[in-house]
Amino acid sequence: MTQKSCLFCKIVKREIAAKTVYEDERVFAFEDIKPEAPVHILVIPKRHIEKISDLRDNDVELTGHLILAAKKIAEDKGIANSGYRIVMNCNRDAGQEVFHMHIHLLGGRKLTWPPG
């Protein structure tokens, strides 16, 4: 998938509407259109990276920043104390449907294990 045709890149560029939850210079977060929990936010890097296996050594700061952004959103949404889950899928067999690396932030109810 190219950056030009990527759904999430189009959301970051505001070519496709999404309910924005958080944004800074490197990260964009928005509500999932098919929520699996009362709180289901997608946290993505603004830079197009297809999947986790495409990360490079110099992406360590960005990946840490994504997780810290998810933590902040969980606090802002009031689910930090009760608990939340962050999930990252890599490739189709793991459930990745959009090939732009992203975190699913899930919370607002008791989550079961294993997830699927």
C-alpha atoms as a PDB file:
ATOM      1  CA  MET A   1       0.000   0.000   0.000  1.00  0.00           C
ATOM      2  CA  THR A   2       1.283   3.424  -0.811  1.00  0.00           C
ATOM      3  CA  GLN A   3       1.044   6.419   1.435  1.00  0.00           C
ATOM      4  CA  LYS A   4      -1.132   8.083  -1.205  1.00  0.00           C
ATOM      5  CA  SER A   5      -3.832   5.389  -1.022  1.00  0.00           C
ATOM      6  CA  CYS A   6      -3.587   4.717   2.738  1.00  0.00           C
ATOM      7  CA  LEU A   7      -6.855   5.253   4.632  1.00  0.00           C
ATOM      8  CA  PHE A   8      -5.114   6.415   7.807  1.00  0.00           C
ATOM      9  CA  CYS A   9      -2.830   8.818   5.906  1.00  0.00           C
ATOM     10  CA  LYS A  10      -5.967  10.347   4.377  1.00  0.00           C
ATOM     11  CA  ILE A  11      -7.430  10.739   7.880  1.00  0.00           C
ATOM     12  CA  VAL A  12      -4.254  12.479   9.091  1.00  0.00           C
ATOM     13  CA  LYS A  13      -4.450  14.838   6.079  1.00  0.00           C
ATOM     14  CA  ARG A  14      -8.149  15.467   6.870  1.00  0.00           C
ATOM     15  CA  GLU A  15      -9.185  14.097   3.462  1.00  0.00           C
ATOM     16  CA  ILE A  16     -11.434  11.637   5.323  1.00  0.00           C
ATOM     17  CA  ALA A  17     -13.347  12.691   8.429  1.00  0.00           C
ATOM     18  CA  ALA A  18     -12.666  11.088  11.795  1.00  0.00           C
ATOM     19  CA  LYS A  19     -13.462  12.003  15.376  1.00  0.00           C
ATOM     20  CA  THR A  20     -10.082  13.278  16.557  1.00  0.00           C
ATOM     21  CA  VAL A  21      -9.162  12.482  20.149  1.00  0.00           C
ATOM     22  CA  TYR A  22      -5.502  13.581  20.285  1.00  0.00           C
ATOM     23  CA  GLU A  23      -2.895  15.071  18.013  1.00  0.00           C
ATOM     24  CA  ASP A  24       0.667  16.280  18.283  1.00  0.00           C
ATOM     25  CA  GLU A  25       3.551  16.685  15.850  1.00  0.00           C
ATOM     26  CA  ARG A  26       4.136  12.902  15.473  1.00  0.00           C
ATOM     27  CA  VAL A  27       0.899  11.181  16.511  1.00  0.00           C
ATOM     28  CA  PHE A  28      -2.762  11.289  15.540  1.00  0.00           C
ATOM     29  CA  ALA A  29      -5.531   9.497  17.472  1.00  0.00           C
ATOM     30  CA  PHE A  30      -9.182   9.036  16.599  1.00  0.00           C
ATOM     31  CA  GLU A  31     -12.195   6.940  17.554  1.00  0.00           C
ATOM     32  CA  ASP A  32     -12.532   3.557  15.860  1.00  0.00           C
ATOM     33  CA  ILE A  33     -15.610   3.399  13.609  1.00  0.00           C
ATOM     34  CA  LYS A  34     -16.320  -0.191  14.780  1.00  0.00           C
ATOM     35  CA  PRO A  35     -15.639  -0.003  18.519  1.00  0.00           C
ATOM     36  CA  GLU A  36     -15.019  -3.232  20.428  1.00  0.00           C
ATOM     37  CA  ALA A  37     -15.250  -1.490  23.823  1.00  0.00           C
ATOM     38  CA  PRO A  38     -16.814   1.697  25.209  1.00  0.00           C
ATOM     39  CA  VAL A  39     -13.441   3.364  24.616  1.00  0.00           C
ATOM     40  CA  HIS A  40     -11.760   2.245  21.379  1.00  0.00           C
ATOM     41  CA  ILE A  41      -9.216   4.704  20.041  1.00  0.00           C
ATOM     42  CA  LEU A  42      -6.715   4.206  17.230  1.00  0.00           C
ATOM     43  CA  VAL A  43      -3.339   5.827  17.855  1.00  0.00           C
ATOM     44  CA  ILE A  44      -1.190   6.141  14.742  1.00  0.00           C
ATOM     45  CA  PRO A  45       2.090   7.726  13.715  1.00  0.00           C
ATOM     46  CA  LYS A  46       1.585  10.558  11.265  1.00  0.00           C
ATOM     47  CA  ARG A  47       4.432   9.109   9.227  1.00  0.00           C
ATOM     48  CA  HIS A  48       3.328   6.157   7.129  1.00  0.00           C
ATOM     49  CA  ILE A  49       4.725   2.875   8.443  1.00  0.00           C
ATOM     50  CA  GLU A  50       2.820  -0.143   7.121  1.00  0.00           C
ATOM     51  CA  LYS A  51       3.398  -2.587   9.956  1.00  0.00           C
ATOM     52  CA  ILE A  52       5.453  -3.250  13.063  1.00  0.00           C
ATOM     53  CA  SER A  53       7.899  -5.429  11.128  1.00  0.00           C
ATOM     54  CA  ASP A  54       8.796  -2.363   9.019  1.00  0.00           C
ATOM     55  CA  LEU A  55      10.133  -0.474  12.050  1.00  0.00           C
ATOM     56  CA  ARG A  56      13.826   0.396  12.080  1.00  0.00           C
ATOM     57  CA  ASP A  57      16.231   1.033  14.947  1.00  0.00           C
ATOM     58  CA  ASN A  58      15.774   4.789  14.546  1.00  0.00           C
ATOM     59  CA  ASP A  59      11.999   4.409  15.158  1.00  0.00           C
ATOM     60  CA  VAL A  60      12.448   3.573  18.845  1.00  0.00           C
ATOM     61  CA  GLU A  61      11.557   7.110  19.981  1.00  0.00           C
ATOM     62  CA  LEU A  62       8.450   7.199  17.790  1.00  0.00           C
ATOM     63  CA  THR A  63       7.155   3.858  19.081  1.00  0.00           C
ATOM     64  CA  GLY A  64       7.698   4.965  22.666  1.00  0.00           C
ATOM     65  CA  HIS A  65       5.889   8.212  21.875  1.00  0.00           C
ATOM     66  CA  LEU A  66       2.902   6.244  20.515  1.00  0.00           C
ATOM     67  CA  ILE A  67       2.608   4.280  23.761  1.00  0.00           C
ATOM     68  CA  LEU A  68       2.918   7.415  25.890  1.00  0.00           C
ATOM     69  CA  ALA A  69       0.220   9.078  23.766  1.00  0.00           C
ATOM     70  CA  ALA A  70      -2.036   6.060  24.383  1.00  0.00           C
ATOM     71  CA  LYS A  71      -1.350   6.370  28.126  1.00  0.00           C
ATOM     72  CA  LYS A  72      -2.308  10.057  28.057  1.00  0.00           C
ATOM     73  CA  ILE A  73      -5.504   9.342  26.133  1.00  0.00           C
ATOM     74  CA  ALA A  74      -6.419   6.611  28.650  1.00  0.00           C
ATOM     75  CA  GLU A  75      -5.962   9.156  31.440  1.00  0.00           C
ATOM     76  CA  ASP A  76      -8.008  11.769  29.564  1.00  0.00           C
ATOM     77  CA  LYS A  77     -10.798   9.236  28.918  1.00  0.00           C
ATOM     78  CA  GLY A  78     -10.899   8.238  32.602  1.00  0.00           C
ATOM     79  CA  ILE A  79      -9.929   4.591  32.097  1.00  0.00           C
ATOM     80  CA  ALA A  80      -6.351   4.664  33.382  1.00  0.00           C
ATOM     81  CA  ASN A  81      -7.216   3.611  36.946  1.00  0.00           C
ATOM     82  CA  SER A  82      -9.744   0.906  36.061  1.00  0.00           C
ATOM     83  CA  GLY A  83      -7.527  -0.522  33.318  1.00  0.00           C
ATOM     84  CA  TYR A  84      -7.067  -0.528  29.580  1.00  0.00           C
ATOM     85  CA  ARG A  85      -5.434  -2.586  26.878  1.00  0.00           C
ATOM     86  CA  ILE A  86      -3.223  -1.563  23.991  1.00  0.00           C
ATOM     87  CA  VAL A  87      -3.056  -3.900  21.010  1.00  0.00           C
ATOM     88  CA  MET A  88      -0.890  -3.789  17.908  1.00  0.00           C
ATOM     89  CA  ASN A  89      -1.520  -6.273  15.116  1.00  0.00           C
ATOM     90  CA  CYS A  90       1.132  -7.118  12.528  1.00  0.00           C
ATOM     91  CA  ASN A  91      -0.028  -8.587   9.205  1.00  0.00           C
ATOM     92  CA  ARG A  92      -3.259 -10.246   8.179  1.00  0.00           C
ATOM     93  CA  ASP A  93      -3.085 -13.404  10.322  1.00  0.00           C
ATOM     94  CA  ALA A  94      -2.824 -11.191  13.418  1.00  0.00           C
ATOM     95  CA  GLY A  95      -5.877  -9.194  12.351  1.00  0.00           C
ATOM     96  CA  GLN A  96      -4.259  -6.142  10.758  1.00  0.00           C
ATOM     97  CA  GLU A  97      -6.804  -4.739   8.310  1.00  0.00           C
ATOM     98  CA  VAL A  98      -5.383  -1.280   7.606  1.00  0.00           C
ATOM     99  CA  PHE A  99      -1.729  -1.316   6.652  1.00  0.00           C
ATOM    100  CA  HIS A 100      -0.628   1.750   8.556  1.00  0.00           C
ATOM    101  CA  MET A 101       0.859   0.772  11.910  1.00  0.00           C
ATOM    102  CA  HIS A 102      -1.502   1.597  14.769  1.00  0.00           C
ATOM    103  CA  ILE A 103      -2.352   0.949  18.384  1.00  0.00           C
ATOM    104  CA  HIS A 104      -5.841   0.000  19.490  1.00  0.00           C
ATOM    105  CA  LEU A 105      -6.547   1.546  22.899  1.00  0.00           C
ATOM    106  CA  LEU A 106      -9.439  -0.355  24.500  1.00  0.00           C
ATOM    107  CA  GLY A 107     -11.156   0.186  27.822  1.00  0.00           C
ATOM    108  CA  GLY A 108     -14.252   1.243  29.657  1.00  0.00           C
ATOM    109  CA  ARG A 109     -15.329  -2.306  30.534  1.00  0.00           C
ATOM    110  CA  LYS A 110     -13.801  -5.506  31.902  1.00  0.00           C
ATOM    111  CA  LEU A 111     -11.731  -7.053  29.123  1.00  0.00           C
ATOM    112  CA  THR A 112     -11.394 -10.821  28.847  1.00  0.00           C
ATOM    113  CA  TRP A 113      -8.348 -12.953  28.053  1.00  0.00           C
ATOM    114  CA  PRO A 114      -7.366 -14.441  25.698  1.00  0.00           C
ATOM    115  CA  PRO A 115      -8.613 -11.792  23.273  1.00  0.00           C
ATOM    116  CA  GLY A 116      -9.162 -13.961  20.220  1.00  0.00           C
END
